[in-house]
Amino acid sequence: MAALEFDAATTALVVVDMQNDFCHAKGYYANIGRNIAPLAAPTSMIAHLLEDCRRASATVAFTRLVYDSAEGSMEDRHKLKPKRWSAHGKRLVPDTWGAEVLDELAPRS
């Protein structure tokens, strides 16, 4: 892999929804039979980039999609709904393993 140069003072890495329920072999989607390989595939590349950004003291931010019972089902709240990637049921519940970022990418203080 070619070296990537960036200015840590003006660079941020945003890691989006790399959560256990989406990307882990024991997560919700894998357990209901979905092929999570495309979601899990970039994990090692993201981990390397994350380490480079952390080493350079660049800003790192994470997003997580979480279930919110007050807002209703996630299926009803989504504006874009992939035809082949629908699921029903509780997943990505706050304060559970499934809603957490994968261990190999986990946020640090």
PDB file of N, CA and C in Angstrom:
ATOM      1  N   MET A   1       0.845  -1.175   0.000  1.00  0.00           N
ATOM      2  CA  MET A   1       0.000   0.000   0.000  1.00  0.00           C
ATOM      3  C   MET A   1       0.888   1.235   0.000  1.00  0.00           C
ATOM      4  N   ALA A   2       0.539   2.183  -0.851  1.00  0.00           N
ATOM      5  CA  ALA A   2       1.320   3.412  -0.961  1.00  0.00           C
ATOM      6  C   ALA A   2       1.121   4.275   0.278  1.00  0.00           C
ATOM      7  N   ALA A   3       2.175   5.007   0.597  1.00  0.00           N
ATOM      8  CA  ALA A   3       2.098   5.908   1.750  1.00  0.00           C
ATOM      9  C   ALA A   3       1.120   7.036   1.462  1.00  0.00           C
ATOM     10  N   LEU A   4       0.375   7.407   2.465  1.00  0.00           N
ATOM     11  CA  LEU A   4      -0.588   8.486   2.347  1.00  0.00           C
ATOM     12  C   LEU A   4      -0.089   9.648   3.192  1.00  0.00           C
ATOM     13  N   GLU A   5       0.016  10.799   2.589  1.00  0.00           N
ATOM     14  CA  GLU A   5       0.465  11.972   3.327  1.00  0.00           C
ATOM     15  C   GLU A   5      -0.713  12.901   3.554  1.00  0.00           C
ATOM     16  N   PHE A   6      -0.797  13.421   4.765  1.00  0.00           N
ATOM     17  CA  PHE A   6      -1.865  14.356   5.096  1.00  0.00           C
ATOM     18  C   PHE A   6      -1.400  15.270   6.203  1.00  0.00           C
ATOM     19  N   ASP A   7      -2.060  16.419   6.305  1.00  0.00           N
ATOM     20  CA  ASP A   7      -1.786  17.390   7.351  1.00  0.00           C
ATOM     21  C   ASP A   7      -2.737  17.102   8.507  1.00  0.00           C
ATOM     22  N   ALA A   8      -2.209  16.586   9.600  1.00  0.00           N
ATOM     23  CA  ALA A   8      -3.034  16.185  10.745  1.00  0.00           C
ATOM     24  C   ALA A   8      -3.829  17.346  11.331  1.00  0.00           C
ATOM     25  N   ALA A   9      -3.336  18.546  11.162  1.00  0.00           N
ATOM     26  CA  ALA A   9      -4.034  19.709  11.719  1.00  0.00           C
ATOM     27  C   ALA A   9      -5.315  20.036  10.954  1.00  0.00           C
ATOM     28  N   THR A  10      -5.408  19.589   9.708  1.00  0.00           N
ATOM     29  CA  THR A  10      -6.578  19.913   8.889  1.00  0.00           C
ATOM     30  C   THR A  10      -7.301  18.666   8.383  1.00  0.00           C
ATOM     31  N   THR A  11      -6.989  17.518   8.976  1.00  0.00           N
ATOM     32  CA  THR A  11      -7.565  16.255   8.523  1.00  0.00           C
ATOM     33  C   THR A  11      -8.372  15.601   9.637  1.00  0.00           C
ATOM     34  N   ALA A  12      -9.501  15.037   9.248  1.00  0.00           N
ATOM     35  CA  ALA A  12     -10.293  14.245  10.187  1.00  0.00           C
ATOM     36  C   ALA A  12     -10.673  12.938   9.506  1.00  0.00           C
ATOM     37  N   LEU A  13     -10.658  11.878  10.269  1.00  0.00           N
ATOM     38  CA  LEU A  13     -11.135  10.578   9.801  1.00  0.00           C
ATOM     39  C   LEU A  13     -12.473  10.330  10.470  1.00  0.00           C
ATOM     40  N   VAL A  14     -13.498  10.041   9.680  1.00  0.00           N
ATOM     41  CA  VAL A  14     -14.824   9.738  10.207  1.00  0.00           C
ATOM     42  C   VAL A  14     -15.116   8.276   9.878  1.00  0.00           C
ATOM     43  N   VAL A  15     -15.270   7.479  10.912  1.00  0.00           N
ATOM     44  CA  VAL A  15     -15.565   6.047  10.770  1.00  0.00           C
ATOM     45  C   VAL A  15     -17.075   5.888  10.965  1.00  0.00           C
ATOM     46  N   VAL A  16     -17.757   5.428   9.926  1.00  0.00           N
ATOM     47  CA  VAL A  16     -19.218   5.417   9.904  1.00  0.00           C
ATOM     48  C   VAL A  16     -19.786   4.016  10.132  1.00  0.00           C
ATOM     49  N   ASP A  17     -20.533   3.864  11.228  1.00  0.00           N
ATOM     50  CA  ASP A  17     -21.371   2.691  11.494  1.00  0.00           C
ATOM     51  C   ASP A  17     -20.650   1.341  11.410  1.00  0.00           C
ATOM     52  N   MET A  18     -19.406   1.282  11.810  1.00  0.00           N
ATOM     53  CA  MET A  18     -18.671   0.003  11.814  1.00  0.00           C
ATOM     54  C   MET A  18     -18.968  -0.712  13.132  1.00  0.00           C
ATOM     55  N   GLN A  19     -20.213  -1.180  13.259  1.00  0.00           N
ATOM     56  CA  GLN A  19     -20.725  -1.730  14.504  1.00  0.00           C
ATOM     57  C   GLN A  19     -20.847  -3.249  14.429  1.00  0.00           C
ATOM     58  N   ASN A  20     -20.816  -3.862  15.613  1.00  0.00           N
ATOM     59  CA  ASN A  20     -20.897  -5.320  15.701  1.00  0.00           C
ATOM     60  C   ASN A  20     -22.133  -5.889  15.014  1.00  0.00           C
ATOM     61  N   ASP A  21     -23.300  -5.319  15.217  1.00  0.00           N
ATOM     62  CA  ASP A  21     -24.506  -5.867  14.594  1.00  0.00           C
ATOM     63  C   ASP A  21     -24.438  -5.835  13.076  1.00  0.00           C
ATOM     64  N   PHE A  22     -23.727  -4.879  12.503  1.00  0.00           N
ATOM     65  CA  PHE A  22     -23.562  -4.812  11.048  1.00  0.00           C
ATOM     66  C   PHE A  22     -22.434  -5.703  10.539  1.00  0.00           C
ATOM     67  N   CYS A  23     -21.279  -5.664  11.208  1.00  0.00           N
ATOM     68  CA  CYS A  23     -20.032  -6.151  10.614  1.00  0.00           C
ATOM     69  C   CYS A  23     -19.409  -7.379  11.263  1.00  0.00           C
ATOM     70  N   HIS A  24     -19.867  -7.814  12.401  1.00  0.00           N
ATOM     71  CA  HIS A  24     -19.245  -8.936  13.121  1.00  0.00           C
ATOM     72  C   HIS A  24     -19.959 -10.244  12.787  1.00  0.00           C
ATOM     73  N   ALA A  25     -19.193 -11.316  12.725  1.00  0.00           N
ATOM     74  CA  ALA A  25     -19.745 -12.638  12.404  1.00  0.00           C
ATOM     75  C   ALA A  25     -20.774 -13.128  13.419  1.00  0.00           C
ATOM     76  N   LYS A  26     -20.784 -12.542  14.615  1.00  0.00           N
ATOM     77  CA  LYS A  26     -21.779 -12.907  15.627  1.00  0.00           C
ATOM     78  C   LYS A  26     -22.827 -11.811  15.831  1.00  0.00           C
ATOM     79  N   GLY A  27     -22.827 -10.828  14.943  1.00  0.00           N
ATOM     80  CA  GLY A  27     -23.768  -9.724  15.047  1.00  0.00           C
ATOM     81  C   GLY A  27     -25.138 -10.069  14.491  1.00  0.00           C
ATOM     82  N   TYR A  28     -26.053  -9.150  14.638  1.00  0.00           N
ATOM     83  CA  TYR A  28     -27.449  -9.334  14.261  1.00  0.00           C
ATOM     84  C   TYR A  28     -27.601  -9.794  12.809  1.00  0.00           C
ATOM     85  N   TYR A  29     -27.005  -9.070  11.875  1.00  0.00           N
ATOM     86  CA  TYR A  29     -27.210  -9.366  10.460  1.00  0.00           C
ATOM     87  C   TYR A  29     -26.626 -10.717  10.068  1.00  0.00           C
ATOM     88  N   ALA A  30     -25.472 -11.064  10.585  1.00  0.00           N
ATOM     89  CA  ALA A  30     -24.911 -12.390  10.309  1.00  0.00           C
ATOM     90  C   ALA A  30     -25.806 -13.480  10.893  1.00  0.00           C
ATOM     91  N   ASN A  31     -26.344 -13.231  12.077  1.00  0.00           N
ATOM     92  CA  ASN A  31     -27.206 -14.224  12.734  1.00  0.00           C
ATOM     93  C   ASN A  31     -28.524 -14.459  12.002  1.00  0.00           C
ATOM     94  N   ILE A  32     -28.990 -13.483  11.238  1.00  0.00           N
ATOM     95  CA  ILE A  32     -30.228 -13.716  10.479  1.00  0.00           C
ATOM     96  C   ILE A  32     -29.930 -14.163   9.052  1.00  0.00           C
ATOM     97  N   GLY A  33     -28.660 -14.451   8.774  1.00  0.00           N
ATOM     98  CA  GLY A  33     -28.292 -15.025   7.486  1.00  0.00           C
ATOM     99  C   GLY A  33     -27.854 -14.062   6.411  1.00  0.00           C
ATOM    100  N   ARG A  34     -27.662 -12.817   6.742  1.00  0.00           N
ATOM    101  CA  ARG A  34     -27.196 -11.852   5.741  1.00  0.00           C
ATOM    102  C   ARG A  34     -25.698 -12.044   5.494  1.00  0.00           C
ATOM    103  N   ASN A  35     -25.275 -11.753   4.285  1.00  0.00           N
ATOM    104  CA  ASN A  35     -23.867 -11.804   3.937  1.00  0.00           C
ATOM    105  C   ASN A  35     -23.224 -10.498   4.392  1.00  0.00           C
ATOM    106  N   ILE A  36     -22.472 -10.562   5.474  1.00  0.00           N
ATOM    107  CA  ILE A  36     -21.849  -9.342   6.010  1.00  0.00           C
ATOM    108  C   ILE A  36     -20.454  -9.101   5.436  1.00  0.00           C
ATOM    109  N   ALA A  37     -19.990  -9.996   4.571  1.00  0.00           N
ATOM    110  CA  ALA A  37     -18.629  -9.872   4.026  1.00  0.00           C
ATOM    111  C   ALA A  37     -18.352  -8.491   3.424  1.00  0.00           C
ATOM    112  N   PRO A  38     -19.259  -7.926   2.627  1.00  0.00           N
ATOM    113  CA  PRO A  38     -18.965  -6.592   2.078  1.00  0.00           C
ATOM    114  C   PRO A  38     -18.873  -5.503   3.148  1.00  0.00           C
ATOM    115  N   LEU A  39     -19.575  -5.691   4.254  1.00  0.00           N
ATOM    116  CA  LEU A  39     -19.529  -4.698   5.329  1.00  0.00           C
ATOM    117  C   LEU A  39     -18.273  -4.844   6.175  1.00  0.00           C
ATOM    118  N   ALA A  40     -17.835  -6.076   6.373  1.00  0.00           N
ATOM    119  CA  ALA A  40     -16.668  -6.347   7.208  1.00  0.00           C
ATOM    120  C   ALA A  40     -15.351  -6.194   6.441  1.00  0.00           C
ATOM    121  N   ALA A  41     -15.406  -6.297   5.120  1.00  0.00           N
ATOM    122  CA  ALA A  41     -14.189  -6.297   4.294  1.00  0.00           C
ATOM    123  C   ALA A  41     -13.240  -5.127   4.543  1.00  0.00           C
ATOM    124  N   PRO A  42     -13.714  -3.908   4.694  1.00  0.00           N
ATOM    125  CA  PRO A  42     -12.769  -2.794   4.863  1.00  0.00           C
ATOM    126  C   PRO A  42     -12.198  -2.642   6.275  1.00  0.00           C
ATOM    127  N   THR A  43     -12.551  -3.533   7.194  1.00  0.00           N
ATOM    128  CA  THR A  43     -12.133  -3.366   8.590  1.00  0.00           C
ATOM    129  C   THR A  43     -10.626  -3.227   8.748  1.00  0.00           C
ATOM    130  N   SER A  44      -9.845  -4.096   8.133  1.00  0.00           N
ATOM    131  CA  SER A  44      -8.388  -4.018   8.327  1.00  0.00           C
ATOM    132  C   SER A  44      -7.800  -2.757   7.700  1.00  0.00           C
ATOM    133  N   MET A  45      -8.328  -2.340   6.562  1.00  0.00           N
ATOM    134  CA  MET A  45      -7.841  -1.103   5.942  1.00  0.00           C
ATOM    135  C   MET A  45      -8.189   0.109   6.808  1.00  0.00           C
ATOM    136  N   ILE A  46      -9.397   0.109   7.366  1.00  0.00           N
ATOM    137  CA  ILE A  46      -9.801   1.202   8.248  1.00  0.00           C
ATOM    138  C   ILE A  46      -8.925   1.204   9.499  1.00  0.00           C
ATOM    139  N   ALA A  47      -8.616   0.018  10.036  1.00  0.00           N
ATOM    140  CA  ALA A  47      -7.764  -0.073  11.231  1.00  0.00           C
ATOM    141  C   ALA A  47      -6.382   0.525  10.968  1.00  0.00           C
ATOM    142  N   HIS A  48      -5.806   0.250   9.808  1.00  0.00           N
ATOM    143  CA  HIS A  48      -4.487   0.818   9.476  1.00  0.00           C
ATOM    144  C   HIS A  48      -4.562   2.335   9.332  1.00  0.00           C
ATOM    145  N   LEU A  49      -5.578   2.808   8.651  1.00  0.00           N
ATOM    146  CA  LEU A  49      -5.746   4.247   8.485  1.00  0.00           C
ATOM    147  C   LEU A  49      -5.999   4.922   9.833  1.00  0.00           C
ATOM    148  N   LEU A  50      -6.784   4.275  10.671  1.00  0.00           N
ATOM    149  CA  LEU A  50      -7.074   4.788  12.008  1.00  0.00           C
ATOM    150  C   LEU A  50      -5.795   4.920  12.829  1.00  0.00           C
ATOM    151  N   GLU A  51      -4.956   3.908  12.782  1.00  0.00           N
ATOM    152  CA  GLU A  51      -3.677   3.973  13.515  1.00  0.00           C
ATOM    153  C   GLU A  51      -2.800   5.097  12.995  1.00  0.00           C
ATOM    154  N   ASP A  52      -2.733   5.260  11.669  1.00  0.00           N
ATOM    155  CA  ASP A  52      -1.937   6.347  11.093  1.00  0.00           C
ATOM    156  C   ASP A  52      -2.458   7.706  11.564  1.00  0.00           C
ATOM    157  N   CYS A  53      -3.776   7.877  11.560  1.00  0.00           N
ATOM    158  CA  CYS A  53      -4.372   9.149  11.992  1.00  0.00           C
ATOM    159  C   CYS A  53      -4.127   9.390  13.480  1.00  0.00           C
ATOM    160  N   ARG A  54      -4.266   8.340  14.269  1.00  0.00           N
ATOM    161  CA  ARG A  54      -4.016   8.491  15.715  1.00  0.00           C
ATOM    162  C   ARG A  54      -2.556   8.824  15.982  1.00  0.00           C
ATOM    163  N   ARG A  55      -1.667   8.159  15.293  1.00  0.00           N
ATOM    164  CA  ARG A  55      -0.237   8.412  15.481  1.00  0.00           C
ATOM    165  C   ARG A  55       0.112   9.850  15.114  1.00  0.00           C
ATOM    166  N   ALA A  56      -0.571  10.392  14.117  1.00  0.00           N
ATOM    167  CA  ALA A  56      -0.318  11.763  13.675  1.00  0.00           C
ATOM    168  C   ALA A  56      -1.135  12.791  14.450  1.00  0.00           C
ATOM    169  N   SER A  57      -1.932  12.333  15.416  1.00  0.00           N
ATOM    170  CA  SER A  57      -2.804  13.205  16.222  1.00  0.00           C
ATOM    171  C   SER A  57      -3.853  13.922  15.390  1.00  0.00           C
ATOM    172  N   ALA A  58      -4.319  13.279  14.329  1.00  0.00           N
ATOM    173  CA  ALA A  58      -5.425  13.830  13.537  1.00  0.00           C
ATOM    174  C   ALA A  58      -6.727  13.594  14.307  1.00  0.00           C
ATOM    175  N   THR A  59      -7.720  14.370  13.992  1.00  0.00           N
ATOM    176  CA  THR A  59      -9.032  14.202  14.608  1.00  0.00           C
ATOM    177  C   THR A  59      -9.672  12.922  14.080  1.00  0.00           C
ATOM    178  N   VAL A  60     -10.257  12.134  14.992  1.00  0.00           N
ATOM    179  CA  VAL A  60     -10.967  10.910  14.621  1.00  0.00           C
ATOM    180  C   VAL A  60     -12.361  10.973  15.226  1.00  0.00           C
ATOM    181  N   ALA A  61     -13.362  10.688  14.412  1.00  0.00           N
ATOM    182  CA  ALA A  61     -14.751  10.692  14.884  1.00  0.00           C
ATOM    183  C   ALA A  61     -15.436   9.407  14.434  1.00  0.00           C
ATOM    184  N   PHE A  62     -16.405   8.968  15.220  1.00  0.00           N
ATOM    185  CA  PHE A  62     -17.155   7.748  14.918  1.00  0.00           C
ATOM    186  C   PHE A  62     -18.641   8.072  14.896  1.00  0.00           C
ATOM    187  N   THR A  63     -19.360   7.429  13.989  1.00  0.00           N
ATOM    188  CA  THR A  63     -20.811   7.492  14.026  1.00  0.00           C
ATOM    189  C   THR A  63     -21.325   6.093  14.338  1.00  0.00           C
ATOM    190  N   ARG A  64     -22.499   6.055  14.972  1.00  0.00           N
ATOM    191  CA  ARG A  64     -23.159   4.772  15.246  1.00  0.00           C
ATOM    192  C   ARG A  64     -24.657   4.967  15.028  1.00  0.00           C
ATOM    193  N   LEU A  65     -25.255   4.008  14.359  1.00  0.00           N
ATOM    194  CA  LEU A  65     -26.698   3.983  14.232  1.00  0.00           C
ATOM    195  C   LEU A  65     -27.234   3.193  15.415  1.00  0.00           C
ATOM    196  N   VAL A  66     -28.191   3.747  16.137  1.00  0.00           N
ATOM    197  CA  VAL A  66     -28.742   3.035  17.293  1.00  0.00           C
ATOM    198  C   VAL A  66     -30.259   3.053  17.263  1.00  0.00           C
ATOM    199  N   TYR A  67     -30.831   2.014  17.825  1.00  0.00           N
ATOM    200  CA  TYR A  67     -32.275   1.871  17.956  1.00  0.00           C
ATOM    201  C   TYR A  67     -32.782   2.871  18.990  1.00  0.00           C
ATOM    202  N   ASP A  68     -33.887   3.532  18.680  1.00  0.00           N
ATOM    203  CA  ASP A  68     -34.487   4.487  19.601  1.00  0.00           C
ATOM    204  C   ASP A  68     -35.976   4.174  19.689  1.00  0.00           C
ATOM    205  N   SER A  69     -36.384   3.553  20.783  1.00  0.00           N
ATOM    206  CA  SER A  69     -37.771   3.127  20.928  1.00  0.00           C
ATOM    207  C   SER A  69     -38.749   4.307  20.875  1.00  0.00           C
ATOM    208  N   ALA A  70     -38.321   5.471  21.278  1.00  0.00           N
ATOM    209  CA  ALA A  70     -39.193   6.641  21.249  1.00  0.00           C
ATOM    210  C   ALA A  70     -39.500   7.097  19.823  1.00  0.00           C
ATOM    211  N   GLU A  71     -38.623   6.753  18.901  1.00  0.00           N
ATOM    212  CA  GLU A  71     -38.793   7.182  17.509  1.00  0.00           C
ATOM    213  C   GLU A  71     -39.455   6.118  16.633  1.00  0.00           C
ATOM    214  N   GLY A  72     -39.696   4.926  17.160  1.00  0.00           N
ATOM    215  CA  GLY A  72     -40.300   3.860  16.363  1.00  0.00           C
ATOM    216  C   GLY A  72     -39.253   3.015  15.658  1.00  0.00           C
ATOM    217  N   SER A  73     -39.719   2.110  14.835  1.00  0.00           N
ATOM    218  CA  SER A  73     -38.804   1.163  14.191  1.00  0.00           C
ATOM    219  C   SER A  73     -37.858   1.859  13.224  1.00  0.00           C
ATOM    220  N   MET A  74     -36.670   1.316  13.085  1.00  0.00           N
ATOM    221  CA  MET A  74     -35.693   1.877  12.161  1.00  0.00           C
ATOM    222  C   MET A  74     -36.199   1.776  10.726  1.00  0.00           C
ATOM    223  N   GLU A  75     -36.943   0.718  10.418  1.00  0.00           N
ATOM    224  CA  GLU A  75     -37.465   0.537   9.064  1.00  0.00           C
ATOM    225  C   GLU A  75     -38.372   1.710   8.675  1.00  0.00           C
ATOM    226  N   ASP A  76     -39.168   2.169   9.629  1.00  0.00           N
ATOM    227  CA  ASP A  76     -40.085   3.272   9.348  1.00  0.00           C
ATOM    228  C   ASP A  76     -39.377   4.626   9.281  1.00  0.00           C
ATOM    229  N   ARG A  77     -38.264   4.770   9.990  1.00  0.00           N
ATOM    230  CA  ARG A  77     -37.569   6.061  10.040  1.00  0.00           C
ATOM    231  C   ARG A  77     -36.624   6.293   8.877  1.00  0.00           C
ATOM    232  N   HIS A  78     -36.139   5.245   8.254  1.00  0.00           N
ATOM    233  CA  HIS A  78     -35.180   5.414   7.157  1.00  0.00           C
ATOM    234  C   HIS A  78     -35.838   5.992   5.922  1.00  0.00           C
ATOM    235  N   LYS A  79     -35.173   6.958   5.343  1.00  0.00           N
ATOM    236  CA  LYS A  79     -35.650   7.543   4.094  1.00  0.00           C
ATOM    237  C   LYS A  79     -35.255   6.669   2.906  1.00  0.00           C
ATOM    238  N   LEU A  80     -34.057   6.099   2.958  1.00  0.00           N
ATOM    239  CA  LEU A  80     -33.571   5.211   1.899  1.00  0.00           C
ATOM    240  C   LEU A  80     -33.594   3.786   2.418  1.00  0.00           C
ATOM    241  N   LYS A  81     -34.249   2.917   1.700  1.00  0.00           N
ATOM    242  CA  LYS A  81     -34.384   1.527   2.143  1.00  0.00           C
ATOM    243  C   LYS A  81     -33.912   0.593   1.042  1.00  0.00           C
ATOM    244  N   PRO A  82     -32.740  -0.024   1.223  1.00  0.00           N
ATOM    245  CA  PRO A  82     -32.272  -0.969   0.208  1.00  0.00           C
ATOM    246  C   PRO A  82     -33.226  -2.155   0.106  1.00  0.00           C
ATOM    247  N   LYS A  83     -33.562  -2.535  -1.108  1.00  0.00           N
ATOM    248  CA  LYS A  83     -34.507  -3.626  -1.310  1.00  0.00           C
ATOM    249  C   LYS A  83     -33.982  -4.962  -0.780  1.00  0.00           C
ATOM    250  N   ARG A  84     -32.698  -5.216  -0.937  1.00  0.00           N
ATOM    251  CA  ARG A  84     -32.148  -6.509  -0.541  1.00  0.00           C
ATOM    252  C   ARG A  84     -31.559  -6.506   0.865  1.00  0.00           C
ATOM    253  N   TRP A  85     -31.594  -5.430   1.563  1.00  0.00           N
ATOM    254  CA  TRP A  85     -30.953  -5.376   2.873  1.00  0.00           C
ATOM    255  C   TRP A  85     -31.943  -4.918   3.931  1.00  0.00           C
ATOM    256  N   SER A  86     -33.102  -5.485   3.916  1.00  0.00           N
ATOM    257  CA  SER A  86     -34.083  -5.121   4.930  1.00  0.00           C
ATOM    258  C   SER A  86     -34.048  -6.156   6.045  1.00  0.00           C
ATOM    259  N   ALA A  87     -34.361  -5.715   7.210  1.00  0.00           N
ATOM    260  CA  ALA A  87     -34.427  -6.600   8.379  1.00  0.00           C
ATOM    261  C   ALA A  87     -35.461  -6.022   9.318  1.00  0.00           C
ATOM    262  N   HIS A  88     -35.955  -6.851  10.168  1.00  0.00           N
ATOM    263  CA  HIS A  88     -36.935  -6.402  11.152  1.00  0.00           C
ATOM    264  C   HIS A  88     -36.515  -6.923  12.510  1.00  0.00           C
ATOM    265  N   GLY A  89     -36.860  -6.198  13.531  1.00  0.00           N
ATOM    266  CA  GLY A  89     -36.527  -6.630  14.875  1.00  0.00           C
ATOM    267  C   GLY A  89     -35.536  -5.701  15.531  1.00  0.00           C
ATOM    268  N   LYS A  90     -35.341  -5.902  16.808  1.00  0.00           N
ATOM    269  CA  LYS A  90     -34.436  -5.047  17.578  1.00  0.00           C
ATOM    270  C   LYS A  90     -32.995  -5.389  17.270  1.00  0.00           C
ATOM    271  N   ARG A  91     -32.276  -4.373  16.972  1.00  0.00           N
ATOM    272  CA  ARG A  91     -30.838  -4.469  16.738  1.00  0.00           C
ATOM    273  C   ARG A  91     -30.253  -3.102  17.024  1.00  0.00           C
ATOM    274  N   LEU A  92     -28.938  -3.052  17.183  1.00  0.00           N
ATOM    275  CA  LEU A  92     -28.263  -1.786  17.433  1.00  0.00           C
ATOM    276  C   LEU A  92     -28.840  -1.071  18.650  1.00  0.00           C
ATOM    277  N   VAL A  93     -29.136  -1.847  19.671  1.00  0.00           N
ATOM    278  CA  VAL A  93     -29.732  -1.316  20.902  1.00  0.00           C
ATOM    279  C   VAL A  93     -28.645  -0.609  21.716  1.00  0.00           C
ATOM    280  N   PRO A  94     -28.892   0.639  22.127  1.00  0.00           N
ATOM    281  CA  PRO A  94     -27.890   1.371  22.912  1.00  0.00           C
ATOM    282  C   PRO A  94     -27.419   0.559  24.130  1.00  0.00           C
ATOM    283  N   ASP A  95     -26.156   0.703  24.451  1.00  0.00           N
ATOM    284  CA  ASP A  95     -25.529   0.050  25.599  1.00  0.00           C
ATOM    285  C   ASP A  95     -25.481  -1.470  25.469  1.00  0.00           C
ATOM    286  N   THR A  96     -25.515  -1.991  24.239  1.00  0.00           N
ATOM    287  CA  THR A  96     -25.325  -3.424  24.013  1.00  0.00           C
ATOM    288  C   THR A  96     -24.107  -3.631  23.125  1.00  0.00           C
ATOM    289  N   TRP A  97     -23.599  -4.847  23.148  1.00  0.00           N
ATOM    290  CA  TRP A  97     -22.451  -5.206  22.320  1.00  0.00           C
ATOM    291  C   TRP A  97     -22.739  -4.942  20.844  1.00  0.00           C
ATOM    292  N   GLY A  98     -23.935  -5.239  20.380  1.00  0.00           N
ATOM    293  CA  GLY A  98     -24.281  -5.072  18.973  1.00  0.00           C
ATOM    294  C   GLY A  98     -24.184  -3.644  18.486  1.00  0.00           C
ATOM    295  N   ALA A  99     -24.450  -2.684  19.346  1.00  0.00           N
ATOM    296  CA  ALA A  99     -24.408  -1.277  18.963  1.00  0.00           C
ATOM    297  C   ALA A  99     -23.000  -0.682  19.032  1.00  0.00           C
ATOM    298  N   GLU A 100     -22.083  -1.407  19.646  1.00  0.00           N
ATOM    299  CA  GLU A 100     -20.717  -0.894  19.811  1.00  0.00           C
ATOM    300  C   GLU A 100     -19.910  -1.021  18.519  1.00  0.00           C
ATOM    301  N   VAL A 101     -18.906  -0.160  18.389  1.00  0.00           N
ATOM    302  CA  VAL A 101     -17.970  -0.216  17.272  1.00  0.00           C
ATOM    303  C   VAL A 101     -17.115  -1.473  17.423  1.00  0.00           C
ATOM    304  N   LEU A 102     -16.765  -2.102  16.314  1.00  0.00           N
ATOM    305  CA  LEU A 102     -15.906  -3.287  16.331  1.00  0.00           C
ATOM    306  C   LEU A 102     -14.679  -3.054  17.212  1.00  0.00           C
ATOM    307  N   ASP A 103     -14.291  -4.070  17.970  1.00  0.00           N
ATOM    308  CA  ASP A 103     -13.143  -3.925  18.875  1.00  0.00           C
ATOM    309  C   ASP A 103     -11.885  -3.414  18.179  1.00  0.00           C
ATOM    310  N   GLU A 104     -11.605  -3.924  16.978  1.00  0.00           N
ATOM    311  CA  GLU A 104     -10.373  -3.531  16.303  1.00  0.00           C
ATOM    312  C   GLU A 104     -10.379  -2.080  15.802  1.00  0.00           C
ATOM    313  N   LEU A 105     -11.531  -1.435  15.883  1.00  0.00           N
ATOM    314  CA  LEU A 105     -11.643  -0.027  15.480  1.00  0.00           C
ATOM    315  C   LEU A 105     -12.075   0.866  16.634  1.00  0.00           C
ATOM    316  N   ALA A 106     -12.275   0.317  17.791  1.00  0.00           N
ATOM    317  CA  ALA A 106     -12.924   1.004  18.909  1.00  0.00           C
ATOM    318  C   ALA A 106     -12.347   2.390  19.202  1.00  0.00           C
ATOM    319  N   PRO A 107     -13.250   3.329  19.488  1.00  0.00           N
ATOM    320  CA  PRO A 107     -12.796   4.657  19.882  1.00  0.00           C
ATOM    321  C   PRO A 107     -11.929   4.619  21.126  1.00  0.00           C
ATOM    322  N   ARG A 108     -11.046   5.564  21.224  1.00  0.00           N
ATOM    323  CA  ARG A 108     -10.182   5.718  22.409  1.00  0.00           C
ATOM    324  C   ARG A 108     -10.394   7.113  22.967  1.00  0.00           C
ATOM    325  N   SER A 109     -10.097   7.234  24.253  1.00  0.00           N
ATOM    326  CA  SER A 109     -10.227   8.583  24.837  1.00  0.00           C
ATOM    327  C   SER A 109      -9.114   9.480  24.333  1.00  0.00           C
TER     328      SER A 109
END
